[in-house]
Amino acid sequence: MANDELLKECTAKAQAWLGEGFDEETKAAVQAMLDAEDKTPLIDAFYQNLEFGTGGLRGIMGPGTNRMNKYVVGMATQGFANYINKAFPDITPAVVVGHDCRNNGRMFAETVANIFSANGIKVYLFESLRPTPEISFAIRQLKAQAGVNVTASHNPKEYNGYKAYWDDGAQVLSPHDTGIIEEVNKVTIDQVKFEPNNDLIEIIGGEMDWDYIQAVKEAMVDQEVINRQKDLNIVYSPLHGTGRVIIPEALRSWGFQNIHVVKDQMVVDGNFPTVVSPNPENSEAMTMGMNLGEKVGADLVIASDPDADRLAIVCRDDKGKWMILNGNQTAMMFYWYIITNKKKLGQLKGNEFMVKTIVTSELIAKIAKKNDVEIFDEYTGFKWIAYRIRINEGVKKYIGGGEESFGFLPFDKVRDKDSPASICLICEIAAWAKDNGMTLYDLLLQIYLDYGFQKEKAVSVVKPGKSGADEIKAMMENFRSNPPKELGGSKVTVAKDFKTLKQTCMATGNVSDIDMPATSNVLQYFTEDGVKVSVRPSGTEPKIKFYCEVPAEMPTKADYAAACAAADEKLAKICASLGI
């Protein structure tokens, strides 16, 4: 009966898309879904409305309420415009609008700009694709009240998305996120003002690029080390995305002079023809860069994802072979270098702080605490790191923050992940290592020796569509009702539930409060021997994610491989315990 009711509901929603206000191409595609014997595509396209998650609005492109198309984008923007006008009734508000390289990106961005302008809102529209962090920077630089970036970040080519920003340059948080959704849910297609007021649309580009690149230089720690190692051999790829506009120029502005780009991947293309997935977390995406790196004898290979908020780093191991650093290792180097070298140069005054997310390696917290730098744990999603920067502004000095998913922000002029600044800084770190007779790999091992070895593993279980969403919900409910008593043979001592903001001591049953700014559908388990496991549904993709972290003994650098093997064995047992 439930399935019959769902089909009836989806059919009614689809039939509404055959009426006034929708173009003929959309109507034909919807009619084909209605006529098809298999109703799964119809249900997947209409069973829900796209909602803001940790990364905003994101979905597969196509017709339907659960898809990215100009009507869903239009209604979202009309609702957002209504909310902005209510929030700022005494001024003519302004917004910044940008997009990345994805298919339909320019069309969506222009649709967004048109609707905002039609609602009396001033629009600064980038002339062409730009990195996500530059959108955030421009909002702050222009003192705009909000912003939109049309991007699906590192998702497959079928996706597009819509990141909504507020006046601090960060992605929207409560109450604005829920407030915008409430306004969006009130909007019908006939209420969307698609016709622009061109007098309110201003195209921006080169001037903002210059201002942004100058601001990125504030992330630099030591110009002298770059000057000494200006010939550091760098290979860079934008993976067909927005990094091509900014990153090579930013590197040159820092003083690096030996930059090679992966030419085939400098081509803007939303189909991402040279990679299976434009996600720098996937080693396959780095293949062409590594091949060029081998040809030119590079010291390191770097890539940014399509909207240039994330980065990936490949360095040479002790045998000269390429080694892809994971997100935790990359973040660990950032935290270590910023703290260590700012301290050496007398740049730490005692009021600095850093931020990480709750699923990111605990080794980072050890580095900060051992060096007397305050560190905060926040939820997954960079908007929470931005939240911490905002509430500390004027009181404490932000010097860096990041997450395990290859995102870092090394300065406070932006309020989102920033790969241009982070790429420049990782090259400075590589230059510092070379200046001290080391490679990034050598530095990584030294950090492990100084602070203890830990290895992390992230496992994503993909469950697409309505049935998948139901499965993910059931999995979370089962973990919540029946927390594991052991993980890979290790006794669980503490269970945390961020949905209830309660943590339980498994030995005594004592329950205490967790101090966080909001609730989140995340579960965490800690064992007596230092294992940490986090479980959460993705806010932007149809998957449930498991983040596992285990320690292992590493007495010397020569023991790195053995430590990795021991950790892998333990991680396999933990995954078996979780049934993944």
Protein backbone atom coordinates (compact mmCIF):
# COMPACT_ATOMS: atom_id res chain seq x y z
CA MET A 1 0.00 0.00 0.00
CA ALA A 2 2.81 2.36 0.92
CA ASN A 3 4.41 1.83 -2.49
CA ASP A 4 1.08 2.43 -4.24
CA GLU A 5 0.64 5.67 -2.33
CA LEU A 6 4.16 6.77 -3.18
CA LEU A 7 3.61 6.07 -6.88
CA LYS A 8 0.32 7.96 -6.76
CA GLU A 9 2.00 10.93 -5.10
CA CYS A 10 4.91 10.92 -7.58
CA THR A 11 2.52 10.61 -10.52
CA ALA A 12 0.53 13.62 -9.34
CA LYS A 13 3.70 15.69 -8.93
CA ALA A 14 4.92 14.63 -12.37
CA GLN A 15 1.61 15.49 -14.04
CA ALA A 16 1.88 19.00 -12.63
CA TRP A 17 5.07 19.34 -14.68
CA LEU A 18 3.02 18.88 -17.86
CA GLY A 19 1.20 22.16 -17.32
CA GLU A 20 1.84 25.86 -17.77
CA GLY A 21 5.32 27.21 -17.12
CA PHE A 22 7.35 24.19 -18.29
CA ASP A 23 9.07 23.95 -21.67
CA GLU A 24 8.24 21.30 -24.26
CA GLU A 25 11.49 19.36 -23.78
CA THR A 26 10.81 18.99 -20.06
CA LYS A 27 7.21 17.99 -20.65
CA ALA A 28 8.23 15.30 -23.14
CA ALA A 29 10.81 13.84 -20.74
CA VAL A 30 8.28 13.76 -17.87
CA GLN A 31 5.61 12.21 -20.09
CA ALA A 32 8.07 9.47 -21.09
CA MET A 33 8.62 8.63 -17.41
CA LEU A 34 4.85 8.52 -16.83
CA ASP A 35 4.36 6.22 -19.82
CA ALA A 36 7.22 3.85 -19.00
CA GLU A 37 6.44 0.44 -17.54
CA ASP A 38 9.28 0.75 -15.04
CA LYS A 39 8.25 3.49 -12.61
CA THR A 40 11.56 3.58 -10.73
CA PRO A 41 12.93 6.59 -12.69
CA LEU A 42 9.65 8.44 -12.08
CA ILE A 43 9.76 7.77 -8.34
CA ASP A 44 13.44 8.68 -8.06
CA ALA A 45 12.80 11.95 -9.90
CA PHE A 46 9.75 13.03 -7.88
CA TYR A 47 9.69 11.26 -4.49
CA GLN A 48 11.18 14.29 -2.71
CA ASN A 49 12.32 17.86 -3.22
CA LEU A 50 16.04 18.56 -3.19
CA GLU A 51 16.99 20.06 0.18
CA PHE A 52 20.04 21.78 1.60
CA GLY A 53 22.53 19.32 3.11
CA THR A 54 26.13 19.84 4.25
CA GLY A 55 26.93 21.23 0.79
CA GLY A 56 23.64 22.88 -0.18
CA LEU A 57 21.39 21.77 -3.03
CA ARG A 58 22.85 18.97 -5.14
CA GLY A 59 21.47 16.31 -7.44
CA ILE A 60 21.47 14.54 -10.77
CA MET A 61 20.49 16.79 -13.67
CA GLY A 62 17.15 16.10 -15.35
CA PRO A 63 13.44 16.80 -15.00
CA GLY A 64 11.76 16.30 -11.63
CA THR A 65 11.51 17.78 -8.14
CA ASN A 66 14.43 15.61 -7.00
CA ARG A 67 16.63 16.69 -9.90
CA MET A 68 18.74 19.70 -10.84
CA ASN A 69 16.98 21.66 -13.57
CA LYS A 70 16.11 25.28 -14.25
CA TYR A 71 12.73 24.94 -12.53
CA VAL A 72 14.06 23.48 -9.30
CA VAL A 73 16.88 26.03 -9.43
CA GLY A 74 14.32 28.72 -10.24
CA MET A 75 12.02 27.89 -7.34
CA ALA A 76 14.98 27.58 -4.96
CA THR A 77 16.26 30.97 -6.07
CA GLN A 78 12.84 32.60 -5.81
CA GLY A 79 12.52 31.27 -2.27
CA PHE A 80 16.07 32.41 -1.46
CA ALA A 81 15.29 35.86 -2.91
CA ASN A 82 12.14 36.09 -0.79
CA TYR A 83 14.14 35.18 2.30
CA ILE A 84 16.91 37.70 1.53
CA ASN A 85 14.40 40.51 1.00
CA LYS A 86 12.70 39.70 4.30
CA ALA A 87 16.04 39.52 6.12
CA PHE A 88 17.25 42.87 4.74
CA PRO A 89 14.09 45.00 4.34
CA ASP A 90 15.78 48.39 4.65
CA ILE A 91 18.41 48.11 1.92
CA THR A 92 18.81 46.94 -1.66
CA PRO A 93 20.55 43.65 -0.91
CA ALA A 94 23.34 42.29 -3.08
CA VAL A 95 24.39 38.76 -3.99
CA VAL A 96 27.39 37.20 -5.73
CA VAL A 97 26.71 34.44 -8.28
CA GLY A 98 29.29 32.07 -9.74
CA HIS A 99 29.59 28.63 -11.31
CA ASP A 100 32.12 25.95 -12.14
CA CYS A 101 32.80 23.90 -15.27
CA ARG A 102 29.83 21.56 -15.12
CA ASN A 103 27.32 21.05 -17.90
CA ASN A 104 24.49 23.61 -17.64
CA GLY A 105 26.53 25.59 -15.10
CA ARG A 106 26.40 28.88 -17.00
CA MET A 107 22.71 28.44 -17.78
CA PHE A 108 21.91 27.80 -14.12
CA ALA A 109 24.06 30.73 -12.96
CA GLU A 110 22.37 33.12 -15.39
CA THR A 111 18.96 31.79 -14.33
CA VAL A 112 19.89 32.50 -10.69
CA ALA A 113 21.14 36.00 -11.56
CA ASN A 114 18.02 36.79 -13.58
CA ILE A 115 15.67 35.77 -10.78
CA PHE A 116 17.55 37.67 -8.08
CA SER A 117 17.58 40.82 -10.23
CA ALA A 118 13.88 40.44 -11.01
CA ASN A 119 13.27 40.50 -7.25
CA GLY A 120 15.08 43.81 -6.81
CA ILE A 121 18.39 42.32 -5.64
CA LYS A 122 21.73 43.59 -6.93
CA VAL A 123 23.71 40.77 -8.58
CA TYR A 124 27.46 40.48 -9.08
CA LEU A 125 27.74 37.72 -11.70
CA PHE A 126 31.16 36.30 -12.51
CA GLU A 127 31.96 36.50 -16.23
CA SER A 128 32.83 32.80 -16.39
CA LEU A 129 33.77 29.86 -14.17
CA ARG A 130 35.57 30.66 -10.91
CA PRO A 131 36.72 28.66 -7.84
CA THR A 132 34.31 28.23 -4.95
CA PRO A 133 36.64 30.04 -2.51
CA GLU A 134 36.73 33.08 -4.78
CA ILE A 135 32.92 33.26 -4.59
CA SER A 136 33.19 33.26 -0.80
CA PHE A 137 35.93 35.91 -0.94
CA ALA A 138 33.88 38.11 -3.29
CA ILE A 139 30.86 38.06 -0.96
CA ARG A 140 33.05 39.42 1.83
CA GLN A 141 34.98 41.80 -0.42
CA LEU A 142 31.83 43.34 -1.93
CA LYS A 143 29.96 43.28 1.40
CA ALA A 144 27.14 41.35 -0.25
CA GLN A 145 24.31 39.89 1.80
CA ALA A 146 24.40 36.44 0.20
CA GLY A 147 25.72 34.39 -2.68
CA VAL A 148 25.16 31.33 -4.83
CA ASN A 149 27.72 29.09 -6.48
CA VAL A 150 26.44 26.61 -9.06
CA THR A 151 28.58 23.52 -8.52
CA ALA A 152 28.45 19.86 -7.61
CA SER A 153 32.04 19.95 -6.35
CA HIS A 154 33.68 16.56 -6.95
CA ASN A 155 30.51 14.58 -7.80
CA PRO A 156 30.22 12.58 -11.06
CA LYS A 157 29.40 14.40 -14.29
CA GLU A 158 25.65 13.68 -14.04
CA TYR A 159 25.39 16.03 -11.05
CA ASN A 160 25.09 19.72 -10.57
CA GLY A 161 24.36 21.73 -7.46
CA TYR A 162 23.73 25.02 -5.75
CA LYS A 163 25.71 26.23 -2.76
CA ALA A 164 23.97 29.01 -0.84
CA TYR A 165 26.09 31.51 1.08
CA TRP A 166 25.30 34.17 3.67
CA ASP A 167 26.85 37.58 4.30
CA ASP A 168 29.93 36.23 6.08
CA GLY A 169 30.92 34.29 2.95
CA ALA A 170 30.08 30.93 4.54
CA GLN A 171 27.50 28.41 3.44
CA VAL A 172 24.18 28.94 5.19
CA LEU A 173 23.56 27.52 8.65
CA SER A 174 20.53 27.53 10.93
CA PRO A 175 18.29 29.45 11.06
CA HIS A 176 18.94 30.59 7.50
CA ASP A 177 19.10 27.11 5.94
CA THR A 178 15.72 26.04 7.29
CA GLY A 179 14.32 29.52 6.73
CA ILE A 180 15.29 29.42 3.07
CA ILE A 181 13.75 25.97 2.65
CA GLU A 182 10.50 27.19 4.21
CA GLU A 183 10.39 30.00 1.67
CA VAL A 184 11.31 27.65 -1.17
CA ASN A 185 8.54 25.24 -0.21
CA LYS A 186 5.99 28.04 -0.53
CA VAL A 187 6.99 28.80 -4.12
CA THR A 188 5.06 27.49 -7.11
CA ILE A 189 6.49 27.62 -10.60
CA ASP A 190 4.11 30.42 -11.66
CA GLN A 191 5.57 32.64 -8.90
CA VAL A 192 9.15 32.46 -10.19
CA LYS A 193 10.29 35.73 -11.78
CA PHE A 194 12.48 34.49 -14.62
CA GLU A 195 12.66 37.80 -16.54
CA PRO A 196 15.76 39.76 -15.47
CA ASN A 197 16.25 43.36 -14.49
CA ASN A 198 19.51 43.84 -16.38
CA ASP A 199 20.17 47.15 -14.64
CA LEU A 200 20.79 45.19 -11.42
CA ILE A 201 23.25 42.67 -12.92
CA GLU A 202 26.95 43.59 -12.90
CA ILE A 203 29.55 41.30 -14.48
CA ILE A 204 32.75 40.85 -12.46
CA GLY A 205 35.98 39.01 -13.20
CA GLY A 206 39.58 40.12 -13.51
CA GLU A 207 39.58 42.77 -10.79
CA MET A 208 38.21 40.29 -8.26
CA ASP A 209 40.75 37.68 -9.42
CA TRP A 210 43.55 40.14 -8.63
CA ASP A 211 42.15 40.98 -5.19
CA TYR A 212 41.68 37.31 -4.38
CA ILE A 213 45.20 36.30 -5.46
CA GLN A 214 46.65 39.10 -3.34
CA ALA A 215 44.60 37.89 -0.36
CA VAL A 216 45.78 34.29 -0.87
CA LYS A 217 49.34 35.49 -0.23
CA GLU A 218 48.31 36.12 3.39
CA ALA A 219 48.42 32.33 3.86
CA MET A 220 52.18 32.38 3.27
CA VAL A 221 54.31 31.61 6.33
CA ASP A 222 57.90 32.13 5.08
CA GLN A 223 58.71 33.97 1.84
CA GLU A 224 62.44 33.35 2.25
CA VAL A 225 62.15 29.58 2.01
CA ILE A 226 60.21 29.99 -1.26
CA ASN A 227 62.84 32.35 -2.60
CA ARG A 228 65.52 29.74 -1.92
CA GLN A 229 63.48 26.95 -3.49
CA LYS A 230 61.71 28.86 -6.26
CA ASP A 231 62.63 26.10 -8.74
CA LEU A 232 60.63 23.47 -6.85
CA ASN A 233 59.35 21.23 -9.66
CA ILE A 234 55.53 21.32 -9.54
CA VAL A 235 52.95 19.55 -11.70
CA TYR A 236 49.37 20.85 -11.46
CA SER A 237 45.99 19.72 -12.86
CA PRO A 238 42.59 21.41 -12.45
CA LEU A 239 40.76 18.20 -13.55
CA HIS A 240 38.97 20.25 -16.25
CA GLY A 241 37.70 22.72 -13.67
CA THR A 242 37.99 26.20 -12.24
CA GLY A 243 41.46 25.93 -10.75
CA ARG A 244 42.91 26.61 -14.18
CA VAL A 245 41.81 30.25 -13.87
CA ILE A 246 43.61 31.03 -10.62
CA ILE A 247 46.05 28.42 -9.30
CA PRO A 248 49.02 28.65 -11.72
CA GLU A 249 48.94 32.44 -11.38
CA ALA A 250 48.68 32.22 -7.58
CA LEU A 251 51.70 29.91 -7.45
CA ARG A 252 53.70 32.36 -9.54
CA SER A 253 52.64 35.22 -7.28
CA TRP A 254 54.18 33.33 -4.33
CA GLY A 255 57.46 33.03 -6.22
CA PHE A 256 57.34 29.51 -7.66
CA GLN A 257 58.79 29.47 -11.17
CA ASN A 258 58.85 25.83 -12.28
CA ILE A 259 55.18 24.93 -12.83
CA HIS A 260 53.99 22.32 -15.32
CA VAL A 261 50.29 21.90 -16.10
CA VAL A 262 48.51 18.80 -17.39
CA LYS A 263 47.41 20.32 -20.69
CA ASP A 264 44.63 17.85 -21.52
CA GLN A 265 43.06 18.53 -18.12
CA MET A 266 43.36 22.32 -18.46
CA VAL A 267 40.50 22.10 -20.97
CA VAL A 268 37.17 23.14 -19.43
CA ASP A 269 34.81 20.19 -19.87
CA GLY A 270 31.85 19.17 -17.72
CA ASN A 271 32.05 15.63 -19.07
CA PHE A 272 35.50 15.17 -17.46
CA PRO A 273 36.73 13.02 -20.38
CA THR A 274 40.16 12.12 -18.96
CA VAL A 275 38.99 10.73 -15.60
CA VAL A 276 36.46 8.21 -14.39
CA SER A 277 35.47 10.64 -11.62
CA PRO A 278 36.68 14.24 -11.06
CA ASN A 279 37.32 13.52 -7.40
CA PRO A 280 40.91 14.04 -6.21
CA GLU A 281 40.18 11.55 -3.42
CA ASN A 282 40.26 8.85 -6.13
CA SER A 283 43.80 7.87 -7.11
CA GLU A 284 42.72 7.29 -10.71
CA ALA A 285 42.11 11.02 -11.15
CA MET A 286 45.79 11.69 -10.46
CA THR A 287 47.18 9.33 -13.13
CA MET A 288 47.82 11.88 -15.89
CA GLY A 289 49.47 14.23 -13.42
CA MET A 290 51.75 11.49 -12.13
CA ASN A 291 52.68 10.51 -15.69
CA LEU A 292 53.67 14.10 -16.46
CA GLY A 293 55.46 14.32 -13.12
CA GLU A 294 57.56 11.32 -14.05
CA LYS A 295 58.38 12.83 -17.43
CA VAL A 296 59.53 16.19 -16.02
CA GLY A 297 61.08 14.88 -12.79
CA ALA A 298 58.61 16.71 -10.57
CA ASP A 299 58.97 17.02 -6.81
CA LEU A 300 55.22 16.82 -6.30
CA VAL A 301 51.96 16.55 -8.26
CA ILE A 302 48.91 18.56 -7.24
CA ALA A 303 45.28 18.62 -8.40
CA SER A 304 42.17 20.57 -7.50
CA ASP A 305 38.61 19.33 -7.94
CA PRO A 306 36.20 20.95 -10.45
CA ASP A 307 35.19 23.86 -8.20
CA ALA A 308 38.70 24.14 -6.72
CA ASP A 309 37.82 23.89 -3.08
CA ARG A 310 39.55 20.51 -2.52
CA LEU A 311 43.09 19.49 -3.35
CA ALA A 312 45.11 16.28 -3.68
CA ILE A 313 48.85 15.88 -3.23
CA VAL A 314 51.22 13.25 -4.66
CA CYS A 315 54.80 13.12 -3.41
CA ARG A 316 57.73 10.74 -3.84
CA ASP A 317 58.37 8.02 -1.27
CA ASP A 318 61.80 6.86 -0.06
CA LYS A 319 62.25 4.85 -3.26
CA GLY A 320 61.34 7.77 -5.52
CA LYS A 321 57.92 6.33 -6.43
CA TRP A 322 54.72 8.36 -6.36
CA MET A 323 52.69 8.21 -3.17
CA ILE A 324 49.23 9.77 -2.95
CA LEU A 325 48.70 11.43 0.42
CA ASN A 326 45.28 10.89 1.94
CA GLY A 327 43.20 13.78 3.25
CA ASN A 328 44.22 13.26 6.86
CA GLN A 329 47.92 13.16 5.98
CA THR A 330 47.62 16.32 3.91
CA ALA A 331 45.75 18.10 6.71
CA MET A 332 48.26 16.86 9.28
CA MET A 333 51.12 18.49 7.35
CA PHE A 334 49.24 21.79 7.16
CA TYR A 335 48.57 21.90 10.90
CA TRP A 336 52.15 20.83 11.73
CA TYR A 337 53.82 23.33 9.40
CA ILE A 338 51.66 26.30 10.33
CA ILE A 339 52.17 25.74 14.05
CA THR A 340 55.85 24.79 13.93
CA ASN A 341 57.07 27.50 11.59
CA LYS A 342 54.88 30.32 12.83
CA LYS A 343 56.27 29.50 16.27
CA LYS A 344 59.88 29.56 14.98
CA LEU A 345 59.30 32.88 13.24
CA GLY A 346 57.68 34.44 16.30
CA GLN A 347 54.30 34.77 14.59
CA LEU A 348 52.27 33.09 17.38
CA LYS A 349 51.02 35.53 20.01
CA GLY A 350 49.08 33.07 22.18
CA ASN A 351 45.53 33.79 21.00
CA GLU A 352 45.58 31.63 17.88
CA PHE A 353 43.21 28.75 17.23
CA MET A 354 42.69 26.00 14.65
CA VAL A 355 39.68 23.89 13.73
CA LYS A 356 39.10 20.34 12.51
CA THR A 357 36.01 18.21 11.99
CA ILE A 358 34.96 15.40 14.31
CA VAL A 359 35.72 12.73 11.68
CA THR A 360 39.24 14.05 10.99
CA SER A 361 42.30 12.39 12.55
CA GLU A 362 42.83 12.81 16.28
CA LEU A 363 46.56 13.03 15.56
CA ILE A 364 45.93 16.63 14.48
CA ALA A 365 44.52 17.45 17.91
CA LYS A 366 47.68 15.97 19.46
CA ILE A 367 49.86 18.25 17.34
CA ALA A 368 47.91 21.35 18.34
CA LYS A 369 47.64 20.53 22.03
CA LYS A 370 51.31 19.56 22.37
CA ASN A 371 52.20 23.00 20.97
CA ASP A 372 49.67 24.86 23.14
CA VAL A 373 47.49 25.93 20.22
CA GLU A 374 43.76 25.79 20.88
CA ILE A 375 41.84 23.48 18.56
CA PHE A 376 38.10 23.08 18.09
CA ASP A 377 36.15 20.06 16.82
CA GLU A 378 33.19 20.82 14.55
CA TYR A 379 30.75 18.87 12.41
CA THR A 380 31.52 17.69 8.88
CA GLY A 381 30.90 20.42 6.32
CA PHE A 382 33.13 23.47 6.06
CA LYS A 383 30.29 25.76 7.08
CA TRP A 384 30.89 24.55 10.64
CA ILE A 385 34.55 25.56 10.50
CA ALA A 386 33.34 28.93 9.19
CA TYR A 387 30.91 29.06 12.12
CA ARG A 388 33.79 28.68 14.57
CA ILE A 389 35.80 31.39 12.80
CA ARG A 390 32.82 33.74 12.97
CA ILE A 391 32.09 33.34 16.67
CA ASN A 392 35.79 33.76 17.55
CA GLU A 393 36.29 36.76 15.27
CA GLY A 394 37.80 39.75 17.03
CA VAL A 395 38.74 37.66 20.05
CA LYS A 396 41.00 34.91 18.73
CA LYS A 397 43.12 34.60 15.59
CA TYR A 398 42.26 31.83 13.13
CA ILE A 399 45.37 30.24 11.58
CA GLY A 400 44.01 27.14 9.86
CA GLY A 401 41.33 24.50 9.67
CA GLY A 402 40.43 21.50 7.59
CA GLU A 403 38.82 18.14 7.18
CA GLU A 404 39.78 14.66 6.06
CA SER A 405 38.00 15.06 2.72
CA PHE A 406 40.90 17.00 1.17
CA GLY A 407 39.73 20.47 2.22
CA PHE A 408 41.74 23.11 4.07
CA LEU A 409 41.58 26.86 4.70
CA PRO A 410 44.86 28.49 5.82
CA PHE A 411 43.68 32.11 6.18
CA ASP A 412 40.53 33.99 7.18
CA LYS A 413 39.64 36.08 4.10
CA VAL A 414 37.57 33.13 2.81
CA ARG A 415 34.98 31.04 4.65
CA ASP A 416 35.07 27.82 2.66
CA LYS A 417 37.63 25.23 1.62
CA ASP A 418 40.30 26.94 -0.43
CA SER A 419 42.50 24.90 -2.74
CA PRO A 420 44.34 27.85 -4.36
CA ALA A 421 45.63 29.02 -0.96
CA SER A 422 46.18 25.46 0.25
CA ILE A 423 48.04 24.42 -2.89
CA CYS A 424 50.34 27.43 -2.58
CA LEU A 425 50.95 26.56 1.07
CA ILE A 426 51.64 22.84 0.44
CA CYS A 427 54.21 23.94 -2.15
CA GLU A 428 55.77 26.18 0.50
CA ILE A 429 55.84 23.16 2.84
CA ALA A 430 57.52 21.08 0.12
CA ALA A 431 60.00 23.93 -0.42
CA TRP A 432 60.72 24.04 3.33
CA ALA A 433 61.27 20.27 3.37
CA LYS A 434 63.62 20.48 0.39
CA ASP A 435 65.45 23.35 2.05
CA ASN A 436 66.01 21.02 5.00
CA GLY A 437 67.13 18.06 2.90
CA MET A 438 63.79 16.28 3.07
CA THR A 439 60.80 15.40 0.94
CA LEU A 440 57.14 15.65 1.94
CA TYR A 441 57.30 11.90 2.56
CA ASP A 442 60.23 12.35 4.97
CA LEU A 443 58.29 15.07 6.76
CA LEU A 444 55.23 12.83 7.06
CA LEU A 445 57.25 10.07 8.71
CA GLN A 446 58.91 12.53 11.07
CA ILE A 447 55.50 13.79 12.21
CA TYR A 448 54.44 10.19 12.90
CA LEU A 449 57.62 9.63 14.93
CA ASP A 450 57.04 12.79 16.95
CA TYR A 451 53.31 12.43 17.58
CA GLY A 452 52.44 8.74 17.06
CA PHE A 453 51.30 6.74 14.05
CA GLN A 454 47.64 6.45 13.17
CA LYS A 455 45.99 5.24 10.00
CA GLU A 456 42.56 6.13 8.72
CA LYS A 457 40.14 4.48 6.33
CA ALA A 458 36.91 5.87 4.95
CA VAL A 459 34.30 3.48 3.56
CA SER A 460 31.27 4.73 1.63
CA VAL A 461 28.30 2.43 1.10
CA VAL A 462 26.27 3.77 -1.84
CA LYS A 463 22.48 3.35 -1.70
CA PRO A 464 20.84 5.28 -4.56
CA GLY A 465 17.21 6.31 -4.93
CA LYS A 466 14.24 6.18 -2.57
CA SER A 467 14.90 2.57 -1.56
CA GLY A 468 18.52 3.48 -0.82
CA ALA A 469 17.50 6.41 1.36
CA ASP A 470 15.27 4.06 3.34
CA GLU A 471 18.12 1.56 3.76
CA ILE A 472 20.48 4.26 5.02
CA LYS A 473 17.88 5.44 7.52
CA ALA A 474 17.39 1.87 8.77
CA MET A 475 21.16 1.35 9.12
CA MET A 476 21.51 4.48 11.24
CA GLU A 477 18.56 3.47 13.42
CA ASN A 478 20.07 0.03 13.96
CA PHE A 479 23.47 1.45 15.00
CA ARG A 480 21.72 3.94 17.26
CA SER A 481 19.58 1.28 18.96
CA ASN A 482 22.32 -1.36 19.09
CA PRO A 483 25.72 0.30 19.47
CA PRO A 484 28.64 -2.10 18.93
CA LYS A 485 30.24 -3.44 22.10
CA GLU A 486 33.49 -4.19 20.28
CA LEU A 487 35.20 -3.18 17.04
CA GLY A 488 37.74 -5.52 15.49
CA GLY A 489 38.31 -7.15 18.85
CA SER A 490 38.68 -3.86 20.73
CA LYS A 491 36.26 -3.06 23.53
CA VAL A 492 34.12 0.05 22.92
CA THR A 493 34.37 2.39 25.91
CA VAL A 494 32.45 5.48 24.73
CA ALA A 495 29.54 5.90 22.32
CA LYS A 496 28.55 9.38 21.13
CA ASP A 497 25.26 10.28 19.48
CA PHE A 498 25.30 13.77 18.01
CA LYS A 499 21.61 13.56 17.13
CA THR A 500 20.74 13.52 20.84
CA LEU A 501 23.97 15.23 21.95
CA LYS A 502 24.55 12.46 24.47
CA GLN A 503 27.58 10.28 25.11
CA THR A 504 27.47 6.99 26.96
CA CYS A 505 30.18 5.32 29.03
CA MET A 506 29.74 1.71 27.94
CA ALA A 507 31.19 0.25 31.16
CA THR A 508 28.96 2.15 33.60
CA GLY A 509 26.05 3.22 31.42
CA ASN A 510 26.55 6.82 32.57
CA VAL A 511 25.22 9.36 30.07
CA SER A 512 26.55 12.91 29.75
CA ASP A 513 25.96 15.85 27.43
CA ILE A 514 27.98 16.71 24.31
CA ASP A 515 28.69 20.42 23.83
CA MET A 516 27.98 21.23 20.17
CA PRO A 517 26.15 24.16 18.53
CA ALA A 518 23.47 21.94 16.95
CA THR A 519 22.45 18.32 16.53
CA SER A 520 23.66 16.15 13.65
CA ASN A 521 22.93 12.62 12.50
CA VAL A 522 26.38 11.26 13.41
CA LEU A 523 27.42 8.36 15.64
CA GLN A 524 30.91 7.82 17.06
CA TYR A 525 32.57 4.96 18.94
CA PHE A 526 35.87 4.99 20.83
CA THR A 527 37.71 1.89 22.06
CA GLU A 528 40.08 1.24 24.94
CA ASP A 529 43.09 0.99 22.60
CA GLY A 530 42.58 4.24 20.68
CA VAL A 531 40.30 3.23 17.80
CA LYS A 532 37.75 5.81 16.62
CA VAL A 533 34.84 5.03 14.27
CA SER A 534 32.37 7.62 12.98
CA VAL A 535 29.18 6.84 11.06
CA ARG A 536 27.10 9.39 9.15
CA PRO A 537 24.88 9.62 6.07
CA SER A 538 26.25 11.93 3.40
CA GLY A 539 24.48 15.26 3.15
CA THR A 540 25.06 15.55 -0.59
CA GLU A 541 25.22 12.01 -2.02
CA PRO A 542 23.18 8.77 -1.68
CA LYS A 543 25.62 7.05 0.66
CA ILE A 544 26.40 6.25 4.27
CA LYS A 545 29.99 6.92 5.35
CA PHE A 546 32.18 5.13 7.89
CA TYR A 547 35.37 6.80 9.10
CA CYS A 548 37.78 4.47 10.90
CA GLU A 549 41.00 5.45 12.65
CA VAL A 550 43.47 3.10 14.37
CA PRO A 551 46.87 3.55 16.02
CA ALA A 552 49.88 1.27 15.47
CA GLU A 553 53.45 1.06 16.71
CA MET A 554 56.10 2.84 14.61
CA PRO A 555 59.39 3.06 16.58
CA THR A 556 61.48 4.23 13.59
CA LYS A 557 60.94 5.52 10.05
CA ALA A 558 61.93 2.07 8.78
CA ASP A 559 58.87 0.65 10.57
CA TYR A 560 56.38 2.71 8.53
CA ALA A 561 55.42 -0.17 6.21
CA ALA A 562 54.98 -2.55 9.15
CA ALA A 563 52.83 0.01 10.98
CA CYS A 564 50.65 0.42 7.89
CA ALA A 565 50.27 -3.36 7.57
CA ALA A 566 49.31 -3.75 11.23
CA ALA A 567 46.80 -0.91 10.93
CA ASP A 568 45.32 -2.39 7.74
CA GLU A 569 44.81 -5.72 9.49
CA LYS A 570 43.03 -3.98 12.33
CA LEU A 571 40.95 -1.86 9.94
CA ALA A 572 39.81 -5.00 8.10
CA LYS A 573 38.62 -6.49 11.38
CA ILE A 574 36.77 -3.29 12.26
CA CYS A 575 35.01 -3.24 8.88
CA ALA A 576 33.99 -6.87 9.41
CA SER A 577 32.57 -5.91 12.82
CA LEU A 578 30.52 -3.17 11.16
CA GLY A 579 29.35 -5.44 8.35
CA ILE A 580 30.84 -3.28 5.61
